[in-house]
């Protein structure tokens, strides 16, 4: 035992240990150079090259249509999310947003549970400029809007769907909390009008009420005449929203 301990403690033992370490370093360096890939995170200074991100969205919107205000009154909360990418000072993102309102009213016939919902899939293109930790996006979006109306009666005559184009310029402000997270506020002005197809089932049951004047198709009776004589709904107007932007780490090969 004493003899083995002396072998490792003398110069030959130390030389053997150093030789093993040197071989290990050479082999590791050669392997790294042979593979040609050294992975590193893209720094903040390089973010303008390519920056993908995820979006969380919550906002409020009150459609311009008078029939919405007469029935519900007040904004509808909308929420959703999406993803996007920035390159230099131009960005593109896709957002899905949805929301609904419900209300119950009493009539001489029965209680009616009125319902309205709206969903949008929007593509946006924008530019932005930065001041310190703040950035200011300005852009324009376009997409498809889908709406559903339920007039509160029982049966197949009750629920109708409509679709239309959605257009909306927007401006915003975002603050960089940390390198990978921004929170912000934005204002958008929506242009959106959905068209509802007519219903033979509705006409067969309710059209005579319009003929005798009980329902005024030009008045505030959208919730009764939709599917029959009233076929459009204006869901435009101001949209206010809070959003969170989470940047996905990107890597480069050197």
C-alpha atoms as a PDB file:
ATOM      1  CA  UNK A   1       0.000   0.000   0.000  1.00  0.00           C
ATOM      2  CA  UNK A   2       2.834   2.373   0.777  1.00  0.00           C
ATOM      3  CA  UNK A   3       4.477   1.611  -2.563  1.00  0.00           C
ATOM      4  CA  UNK A   4       1.299   2.489  -4.596  1.00  0.00           C
ATOM      5  CA  UNK A   5       0.864   5.743  -2.705  1.00  0.00           C
ATOM      6  CA  UNK A   6       4.435   6.781  -3.533  1.00  0.00           C
ATOM      7  CA  UNK A   7       3.916   6.048  -7.249  1.00  0.00           C
ATOM      8  CA  UNK A   8       0.991   8.545  -7.480  1.00  0.00           C
ATOM      9  CA  UNK A   9       2.823  11.126  -5.435  1.00  0.00           C
ATOM     10  CA  UNK A  10       6.037  11.130  -7.484  1.00  0.00           C
ATOM     11  CA  UNK A  11       6.595  12.906 -10.785  1.00  0.00           C
ATOM     12  CA  UNK A  12       5.536   9.968 -12.953  1.00  0.00           C
ATOM     13  CA  UNK A  13       2.067   9.826 -11.345  1.00  0.00           C
ATOM     14  CA  UNK A  14       1.503  13.551 -11.787  1.00  0.00           C
ATOM     15  CA  UNK A  15       2.703  13.398 -15.367  1.00  0.00           C
ATOM     16  CA  UNK A  16       0.238  10.608 -16.149  1.00  0.00           C
ATOM     17  CA  UNK A  17      -2.632  12.649 -14.670  1.00  0.00           C
ATOM     18  CA  UNK A  18      -1.729  15.756 -16.676  1.00  0.00           C
ATOM     19  CA  UNK A  19      -1.444  13.684 -19.840  1.00  0.00           C
ATOM     20  CA  UNK A  20      -4.993  12.319 -19.363  1.00  0.00           C
ATOM     21  CA  UNK A  21      -6.390  15.816 -18.857  1.00  0.00           C
ATOM     22  CA  UNK A  22      -4.635  17.107 -21.964  1.00  0.00           C
ATOM     23  CA  UNK A  23      -6.019  14.245 -24.081  1.00  0.00           C
ATOM     24  CA  UNK A  24      -9.529  14.962 -22.771  1.00  0.00           C
ATOM     25  CA  UNK A  25      -9.271  18.672 -23.694  1.00  0.00           C
ATOM     26  CA  UNK A  26      -7.948  17.902 -27.182  1.00  0.00           C
ATOM     27  CA  UNK A  27     -10.688  15.340 -27.881  1.00  0.00           C
ATOM     28  CA  UNK A  28     -13.452  17.710 -26.679  1.00  0.00           C
ATOM     29  CA  UNK A  29     -12.117  20.592 -28.773  1.00  0.00           C
ATOM     30  CA  UNK A  30     -11.791  18.416 -31.861  1.00  0.00           C
ATOM     31  CA  UNK A  31     -15.361  17.115 -31.462  1.00  0.00           C
ATOM     32  CA  UNK A  32     -16.796  20.625 -31.102  1.00  0.00           C
ATOM     33  CA  UNK A  33     -14.906  21.844 -34.187  1.00  0.00           C
ATOM     34  CA  UNK A  34     -15.951  18.791 -36.168  1.00  0.00           C
ATOM     35  CA  UNK A  35     -19.623  19.237 -35.393  1.00  0.00           C
ATOM     36  CA  UNK A  36     -19.396  22.922 -36.321  1.00  0.00           C
ATOM     37  CA  UNK A  37     -22.206  23.911 -33.914  1.00  0.00           C
ATOM     38  CA  UNK A  38     -21.858  26.130 -30.878  1.00  0.00           C
ATOM     39  CA  UNK A  39     -25.313  27.102 -29.574  1.00  0.00           C
ATOM     40  CA  UNK A  40     -25.872  30.405 -27.774  1.00  0.00           C
ATOM     41  CA  UNK A  41     -28.887  32.552 -26.925  1.00  0.00           C
ATOM     42  CA  UNK A  42     -29.509  35.603 -29.047  1.00  0.00           C
ATOM     43  CA  UNK A  43     -28.707  38.672 -26.963  1.00  0.00           C
ATOM     44  CA  UNK A  44     -30.988  41.669 -26.535  1.00  0.00           C
ATOM     45  CA  UNK A  45     -28.900  43.641 -29.023  1.00  0.00           C
ATOM     46  CA  UNK A  46     -29.641  41.002 -31.682  1.00  0.00           C
ATOM     47  CA  UNK A  47     -33.407  40.862 -31.080  1.00  0.00           C
ATOM     48  CA  UNK A  48     -34.208  42.854 -34.217  1.00  0.00           C
ATOM     49  CA  UNK A  49     -32.994  39.969 -36.366  1.00  0.00           C
ATOM     50  CA  UNK A  50     -35.759  37.541 -35.442  1.00  0.00           C
ATOM     51  CA  UNK A  51     -37.997  37.616 -32.344  1.00  0.00           C
ATOM     52  CA  UNK A  52     -40.982  35.238 -32.086  1.00  0.00           C
ATOM     53  CA  UNK A  53     -43.443  35.744 -29.243  1.00  0.00           C
ATOM     54  CA  UNK A  54     -46.745  34.664 -27.679  1.00  0.00           C
ATOM     55  CA  UNK A  55     -49.633  37.012 -26.823  1.00  0.00           C
ATOM     56  CA  UNK A  56     -52.157  37.102 -23.993  1.00  0.00           C
ATOM     57  CA  UNK A  57     -55.076  39.476 -24.546  1.00  0.00           C
ATOM     58  CA  UNK A  58     -58.020  40.876 -22.560  1.00  0.00           C
ATOM     59  CA  UNK A  59     -60.086  43.911 -23.528  1.00  0.00           C
ATOM     60  CA  UNK A  60     -63.441  45.615 -23.720  1.00  0.00           C
ATOM     61  CA  UNK A  61     -65.644  46.599 -26.628  1.00  0.00           C
ATOM     62  CA  UNK A  62     -69.166  47.978 -27.062  1.00  0.00           C
ATOM     63  CA  UNK A  63     -70.531  47.467 -30.588  1.00  0.00           C
ATOM     64  CA  UNK A  64     -71.878  50.520 -32.405  1.00  0.00           C
ATOM     65  CA  UNK A  65     -75.178  48.871 -33.273  1.00  0.00           C
ATOM     66  CA  UNK A  66     -78.040  50.574 -31.398  1.00  0.00           C
ATOM     67  CA  UNK A  67     -79.781  47.260 -30.795  1.00  0.00           C
ATOM     68  CA  UNK A  68     -76.842  46.069 -28.715  1.00  0.00           C
ATOM     69  CA  UNK A  69     -76.994  49.156 -26.497  1.00  0.00           C
ATOM     70  CA  UNK A  70     -80.764  48.880 -26.007  1.00  0.00           C
ATOM     71  CA  UNK A  71     -80.555  45.275 -24.863  1.00  0.00           C
ATOM     72  CA  UNK A  72     -77.269  45.055 -22.966  1.00  0.00           C
ATOM     73  CA  UNK A  73     -75.622  48.448 -22.493  1.00  0.00           C
ATOM     74  CA  UNK A  74     -71.964  48.667 -21.541  1.00  0.00           C
ATOM     75  CA  UNK A  75     -68.906  46.993 -22.998  1.00  0.00           C
ATOM     76  CA  UNK A  76     -68.398  43.304 -23.547  1.00  0.00           C
ATOM     77  CA  UNK A  77     -65.222  41.700 -22.180  1.00  0.00           C
ATOM     78  CA  UNK A  78     -63.176  39.942 -24.828  1.00  0.00           C
ATOM     79  CA  UNK A  79     -60.172  37.710 -24.309  1.00  0.00           C
ATOM     80  CA  UNK A  80     -57.844  35.615 -26.384  1.00  0.00           C
ATOM     81  CA  UNK A  81     -54.279  35.190 -27.517  1.00  0.00           C
ATOM     82  CA  UNK A  82     -52.008  34.478 -30.413  1.00  0.00           C
ATOM     83  CA  UNK A  83     -48.457  34.575 -31.674  1.00  0.00           C
ATOM     84  CA  UNK A  84     -46.234  36.882 -33.691  1.00  0.00           C
ATOM     85  CA  UNK A  85     -42.746  37.649 -34.886  1.00  0.00           C
ATOM     86  CA  UNK A  86     -40.658  40.797 -35.190  1.00  0.00           C
ATOM     87  CA  UNK A  87     -37.786  41.391 -37.544  1.00  0.00           C
ATOM     88  CA  UNK A  88     -35.972  44.720 -37.377  1.00  0.00           C
ATOM     89  CA  UNK A  89     -38.723  47.310 -36.816  1.00  0.00           C
ATOM     90  CA  UNK A  90     -41.553  45.440 -38.548  1.00  0.00           C
ATOM     91  CA  UNK A  91     -43.802  42.844 -36.955  1.00  0.00           C
ATOM     92  CA  UNK A  92     -46.650  40.510 -37.818  1.00  0.00           C
ATOM     93  CA  UNK A  93     -49.026  38.730 -35.458  1.00  0.00           C
ATOM     94  CA  UNK A  94     -52.157  36.600 -35.444  1.00  0.00           C
ATOM     95  CA  UNK A  95     -54.736  37.027 -32.673  1.00  0.00           C
ATOM     96  CA  UNK A  96     -57.927  35.171 -31.834  1.00  0.00           C
ATOM     97  CA  UNK A  97     -60.436  37.055 -29.631  1.00  0.00           C
ATOM     98  CA  UNK A  98     -63.860  36.110 -28.364  1.00  0.00           C
ATOM     99  CA  UNK A  99     -66.533  37.414 -26.032  1.00  0.00           C
ATOM    100  CA  UNK A 100     -70.254  37.214 -25.280  1.00  0.00           C
ATOM    101  CA  UNK A 101     -73.116  38.943 -23.466  1.00  0.00           C
ATOM    102  CA  UNK A 102     -76.313  37.477 -22.036  1.00  0.00           C
ATOM    103  CA  UNK A 103     -79.357  39.084 -20.479  1.00  0.00           C
ATOM    104  CA  UNK A 104     -82.819  37.959 -19.422  1.00  0.00           C
ATOM    105  CA  UNK A 105     -85.951  40.024 -20.080  1.00  0.00           C
ATOM    106  CA  UNK A 106     -89.578  39.412 -19.142  1.00  0.00           C
ATOM    107  CA  UNK A 107     -92.290  39.752 -21.757  1.00  0.00           C
ATOM    108  CA  UNK A 108     -96.034  39.126 -21.667  1.00  0.00           C
ATOM    109  CA  UNK A 109     -95.328  35.680 -23.109  1.00  0.00           C
ATOM    110  CA  UNK A 110     -92.346  34.371 -21.131  1.00  0.00           C
ATOM    111  CA  UNK A 111     -88.820  35.108 -19.971  1.00  0.00           C
ATOM    112  CA  UNK A 112     -86.368  35.482 -22.838  1.00  0.00           C
ATOM    113  CA  UNK A 113     -82.630  34.914 -22.429  1.00  0.00           C
ATOM    114  CA  UNK A 114     -81.027  37.107 -25.080  1.00  0.00           C
ATOM    115  CA  UNK A 115     -77.515  36.183 -26.177  1.00  0.00           C
ATOM    116  CA  UNK A 116     -74.878  37.746 -28.418  1.00  0.00           C
ATOM    117  CA  UNK A 117     -71.319  36.577 -29.068  1.00  0.00           C
ATOM    118  CA  UNK A 118     -68.483  37.598 -31.340  1.00  0.00           C
ATOM    119  CA  UNK A 119     -65.220  35.890 -32.341  1.00  0.00           C
ATOM    120  CA  UNK A 120     -62.444  37.266 -34.512  1.00  0.00           C
ATOM    121  CA  UNK A 121     -59.340  35.888 -36.156  1.00  0.00           C
ATOM    122  CA  UNK A 122     -57.146  38.819 -37.118  1.00  0.00           C
ATOM    123  CA  UNK A 123     -53.765  39.153 -38.838  1.00  0.00           C
ATOM    124  CA  UNK A 124     -51.822  42.312 -38.031  1.00  0.00           C
ATOM    125  CA  UNK A 125     -48.910  44.101 -39.626  1.00  0.00           C
ATOM    126  CA  UNK A 126     -47.197  46.888 -37.708  1.00  0.00           C
ATOM    127  CA  UNK A 127     -44.107  48.975 -37.204  1.00  0.00           C
ATOM    128  CA  UNK A 128     -42.793  50.312 -33.909  1.00  0.00           C
ATOM    129  CA  UNK A 129     -40.180  52.568 -32.365  1.00  0.00           C
ATOM    130  CA  UNK A 130     -38.448  52.312 -28.992  1.00  0.00           C
ATOM    131  CA  UNK A 131     -37.591  54.739 -26.202  1.00  0.00           C
ATOM    132  CA  UNK A 132     -35.710  53.017 -23.421  1.00  0.00           C
ATOM    133  CA  UNK A 133     -37.859  50.229 -22.011  1.00  0.00           C
ATOM    134  CA  UNK A 134     -40.939  51.465 -23.904  1.00  0.00           C
ATOM    135  CA  UNK A 135     -42.014  50.568 -27.424  1.00  0.00           C
ATOM    136  CA  UNK A 136     -44.860  52.071 -29.455  1.00  0.00           C
ATOM    137  CA  UNK A 137     -46.479  49.826 -32.104  1.00  0.00           C
ATOM    138  CA  UNK A 138     -48.622  51.338 -34.869  1.00  0.00           C
ATOM    139  CA  UNK A 139     -50.345  49.087 -37.366  1.00  0.00           C
ATOM    140  CA  UNK A 140     -53.379  47.701 -39.134  1.00  0.00           C
ATOM    141  CA  UNK A 141     -55.228  44.410 -38.855  1.00  0.00           C
ATOM    142  CA  UNK A 142     -57.702  42.489 -40.956  1.00  0.00           C
ATOM    143  CA  UNK A 143     -59.542  39.219 -40.646  1.00  0.00           C
ATOM    144  CA  UNK A 144     -62.860  37.448 -40.204  1.00  0.00           C
ATOM    145  CA  UNK A 145     -65.544  38.110 -37.626  1.00  0.00           C
ATOM    146  CA  UNK A 146     -68.167  35.532 -36.663  1.00  0.00           C
ATOM    147  CA  UNK A 147     -71.263  36.460 -34.600  1.00  0.00           C
ATOM    148  CA  UNK A 148     -74.054  34.481 -33.006  1.00  0.00           C
ATOM    149  CA  UNK A 149     -77.441  35.824 -31.900  1.00  0.00           C
ATOM    150  CA  UNK A 150     -79.978  33.975 -29.786  1.00  0.00           C
ATOM    151  CA  UNK A 151     -83.378  35.669 -29.468  1.00  0.00           C
ATOM    152  CA  UNK A 152     -84.333  33.852 -26.292  1.00  0.00           C
ATOM    153  CA  UNK A 153     -87.163  31.665 -27.609  1.00  0.00           C
ATOM    154  CA  UNK A 154     -87.140  27.893 -27.613  1.00  0.00           C
ATOM    155  CA  UNK A 155     -86.727  25.963 -30.842  1.00  0.00           C
ATOM    156  CA  UNK A 156     -84.888  26.073 -34.136  1.00  0.00           C
ATOM    157  CA  UNK A 157     -86.159  29.602 -34.853  1.00  0.00           C
ATOM    158  CA  UNK A 158     -83.999  30.984 -32.113  1.00  0.00           C
ATOM    159  CA  UNK A 159     -80.269  31.059 -32.902  1.00  0.00           C
ATOM    160  CA  UNK A 160     -78.633  32.598 -35.976  1.00  0.00           C
ATOM    161  CA  UNK A 161     -75.054  33.061 -37.090  1.00  0.00           C
ATOM    162  CA  UNK A 162     -73.470  35.735 -39.223  1.00  0.00           C
ATOM    163  CA  UNK A 163     -70.014  36.398 -40.662  1.00  0.00           C
ATOM    164  CA  UNK A 164     -68.191  39.394 -42.041  1.00  0.00           C
ATOM    165  CA  UNK A 165     -64.836  41.073 -42.567  1.00  0.00           C
ATOM    166  CA  UNK A 166     -62.975  42.714 -39.705  1.00  0.00           C
ATOM    167  CA  UNK A 167     -60.658  45.696 -40.235  1.00  0.00           C
ATOM    168  CA  UNK A 168     -58.959  47.751 -37.565  1.00  0.00           C
ATOM    169  CA  UNK A 169     -56.066  50.225 -37.244  1.00  0.00           C
ATOM    170  CA  UNK A 170     -54.438  50.284 -33.807  1.00  0.00           C
ATOM    171  CA  UNK A 171     -51.813  52.029 -31.675  1.00  0.00           C
ATOM    172  CA  UNK A 172     -50.282  50.902 -28.420  1.00  0.00           C
ATOM    173  CA  UNK A 173     -47.624  51.267 -25.778  1.00  0.00           C
ATOM    174  CA  UNK A 174     -45.611  48.407 -24.291  1.00  0.00           C
ATOM    175  CA  UNK A 175     -43.228  48.309 -21.346  1.00  0.00           C
ATOM    176  CA  UNK A 176     -40.390  45.819 -21.032  1.00  0.00           C
ATOM    177  CA  UNK A 177     -40.660  44.276 -17.559  1.00  0.00           C
ATOM    178  CA  UNK A 178     -37.806  41.863 -18.181  1.00  0.00           C
ATOM    179  CA  UNK A 179     -36.008  40.905 -21.369  1.00  0.00           C
ATOM    180  CA  UNK A 180     -38.571  38.234 -22.274  1.00  0.00           C
ATOM    181  CA  UNK A 181     -41.789  39.917 -21.048  1.00  0.00           C
ATOM    182  CA  UNK A 182     -43.651  43.069 -22.075  1.00  0.00           C
ATOM    183  CA  UNK A 183     -46.988  44.364 -20.844  1.00  0.00           C
ATOM    184  CA  UNK A 184     -48.943  47.034 -22.658  1.00  0.00           C
ATOM    185  CA  UNK A 185     -52.118  48.859 -23.528  1.00  0.00           C
ATOM    186  CA  UNK A 186     -53.604  49.391 -26.982  1.00  0.00           C
ATOM    187  CA  UNK A 187     -56.501  51.158 -28.663  1.00  0.00           C
ATOM    188  CA  UNK A 188     -58.085  49.892 -31.861  1.00  0.00           C
ATOM    189  CA  UNK A 189     -60.934  51.175 -33.991  1.00  0.00           C
ATOM    190  CA  UNK A 190     -62.899  48.309 -35.480  1.00  0.00           C
ATOM    191  CA  UNK A 191     -64.831  48.212 -38.731  1.00  0.00           C
ATOM    192  CA  UNK A 192     -66.961  45.090 -38.589  1.00  0.00           C
ATOM    193  CA  UNK A 193     -70.424  44.271 -39.868  1.00  0.00           C
ATOM    194  CA  UNK A 194     -71.857  40.765 -39.978  1.00  0.00           C
ATOM    195  CA  UNK A 195     -74.566  39.636 -42.343  1.00  0.00           C
ATOM    196  CA  UNK A 196     -77.127  37.075 -41.157  1.00  0.00           C
ATOM    197  CA  UNK A 197     -78.775  34.771 -43.636  1.00  0.00           C
ATOM    198  CA  UNK A 198     -82.568  34.598 -43.619  1.00  0.00           C
ATOM    199  CA  UNK A 199     -84.490  31.676 -42.181  1.00  0.00           C
ATOM    200  CA  UNK A 200     -87.544  30.092 -43.759  1.00  0.00           C
ATOM    201  CA  UNK A 201     -88.336  28.594 -40.373  1.00  0.00           C
ATOM    202  CA  UNK A 202     -88.420  32.076 -38.880  1.00  0.00           C
ATOM    203  CA  UNK A 203     -90.636  33.440 -41.640  1.00  0.00           C
ATOM    204  CA  UNK A 204     -93.085  30.599 -41.332  1.00  0.00           C
ATOM    205  CA  UNK A 205     -93.591  31.316 -37.642  1.00  0.00           C
ATOM    206  CA  UNK A 206     -92.989  35.031 -37.078  1.00  0.00           C
ATOM    207  CA  UNK A 207     -93.180  36.944 -40.367  1.00  0.00           C
ATOM    208  CA  UNK A 208     -96.918  37.640 -39.983  1.00  0.00           C
ATOM    209  CA  UNK A 209     -96.129  39.586 -36.784  1.00  0.00           C
ATOM    210  CA  UNK A 210     -94.079  41.999 -38.854  1.00  0.00           C
ATOM    211  CA  UNK A 211     -96.888  42.270 -41.403  1.00  0.00           C
ATOM    212  CA  UNK A 212     -99.436  43.265 -38.764  1.00  0.00           C
ATOM    213  CA  UNK A 213     -97.053  45.782 -37.198  1.00  0.00           C
ATOM    214  CA  UNK A 214     -96.194  43.984 -33.985  1.00  0.00           C
ATOM    215  CA  UNK A 215     -92.528  43.919 -34.935  1.00  0.00           C
ATOM    216  CA  UNK A 216     -91.078  46.984 -36.624  1.00  0.00           C
ATOM    217  CA  UNK A 217     -88.228  45.801 -38.877  1.00  0.00           C
ATOM    218  CA  UNK A 218     -86.823  49.341 -38.981  1.00  0.00           C
ATOM    219  CA  UNK A 219     -86.994  49.871 -35.224  1.00  0.00           C
ATOM    220  CA  UNK A 220     -85.131  48.482 -32.255  1.00  0.00           C
ATOM    221  CA  UNK A 221     -86.265  44.908 -32.772  1.00  0.00           C
ATOM    222  CA  UNK A 222     -83.171  43.244 -34.164  1.00  0.00           C
ATOM    223  CA  UNK A 223     -83.515  40.463 -31.600  1.00  0.00           C
ATOM    224  CA  UNK A 224     -86.935  39.591 -33.024  1.00  0.00           C
ATOM    225  CA  UNK A 225     -86.380  40.161 -36.716  1.00  0.00           C
ATOM    226  CA  UNK A 226     -82.886  38.680 -37.136  1.00  0.00           C
ATOM    227  CA  UNK A 227     -83.204  35.701 -39.395  1.00  0.00           C
ATOM    228  CA  UNK A 228     -86.202  37.283 -41.030  1.00  0.00           C
ATOM    229  CA  UNK A 229     -86.149  40.913 -42.148  1.00  0.00           C
ATOM    230  CA  UNK A 230     -83.126  42.305 -40.296  1.00  0.00           C
ATOM    231  CA  UNK A 231     -79.905  40.736 -41.579  1.00  0.00           C
ATOM    232  CA  UNK A 232     -76.985  42.979 -40.533  1.00  0.00           C
ATOM    233  CA  UNK A 233     -75.297  43.882 -37.263  1.00  0.00           C
ATOM    234  CA  UNK A 234     -72.661  46.615 -36.805  1.00  0.00           C
ATOM    235  CA  UNK A 235     -69.979  45.426 -34.376  1.00  0.00           C
ATOM    236  CA  UNK A 236     -67.548  48.268 -35.036  1.00  0.00           C
ATOM    237  CA  UNK A 237     -66.263  50.845 -32.574  1.00  0.00           C
ATOM    238  CA  UNK A 238     -63.425  51.468 -30.146  1.00  0.00           C
ATOM    239  CA  UNK A 239     -61.641  48.484 -28.635  1.00  0.00           C
ATOM    240  CA  UNK A 240     -59.465  48.898 -25.523  1.00  0.00           C
ATOM    241  CA  UNK A 241     -57.172  46.102 -24.409  1.00  0.00           C
ATOM    242  CA  UNK A 242     -54.398  45.035 -22.068  1.00  0.00           C
ATOM    243  CA  UNK A 243     -51.911  42.547 -23.419  1.00  0.00           C
ATOM    244  CA  UNK A 244     -48.855  40.601 -22.364  1.00  0.00           C
ATOM    245  CA  UNK A 245     -46.109  39.644 -24.802  1.00  0.00           C
ATOM    246  CA  UNK A 246     -43.809  36.746 -23.921  1.00  0.00           C
ATOM    247  CA  UNK A 247     -40.775  36.352 -26.173  1.00  0.00           C
ATOM    248  CA  UNK A 248     -39.646  32.847 -27.081  1.00  0.00           C
ATOM    249  CA  UNK A 249     -35.881  32.295 -26.578  1.00  0.00           C
ATOM    250  CA  UNK A 250     -34.100  31.996 -29.914  1.00  0.00           C
ATOM    251  CA  UNK A 251     -30.738  30.464 -30.620  1.00  0.00           C
ATOM    252  CA  UNK A 252     -28.078  30.992 -33.231  1.00  0.00           C
ATOM    253  CA  UNK A 253     -25.387  28.715 -34.627  1.00  0.00           C
ATOM    254  CA  UNK A 254     -21.838  30.073 -34.614  1.00  0.00           C
END
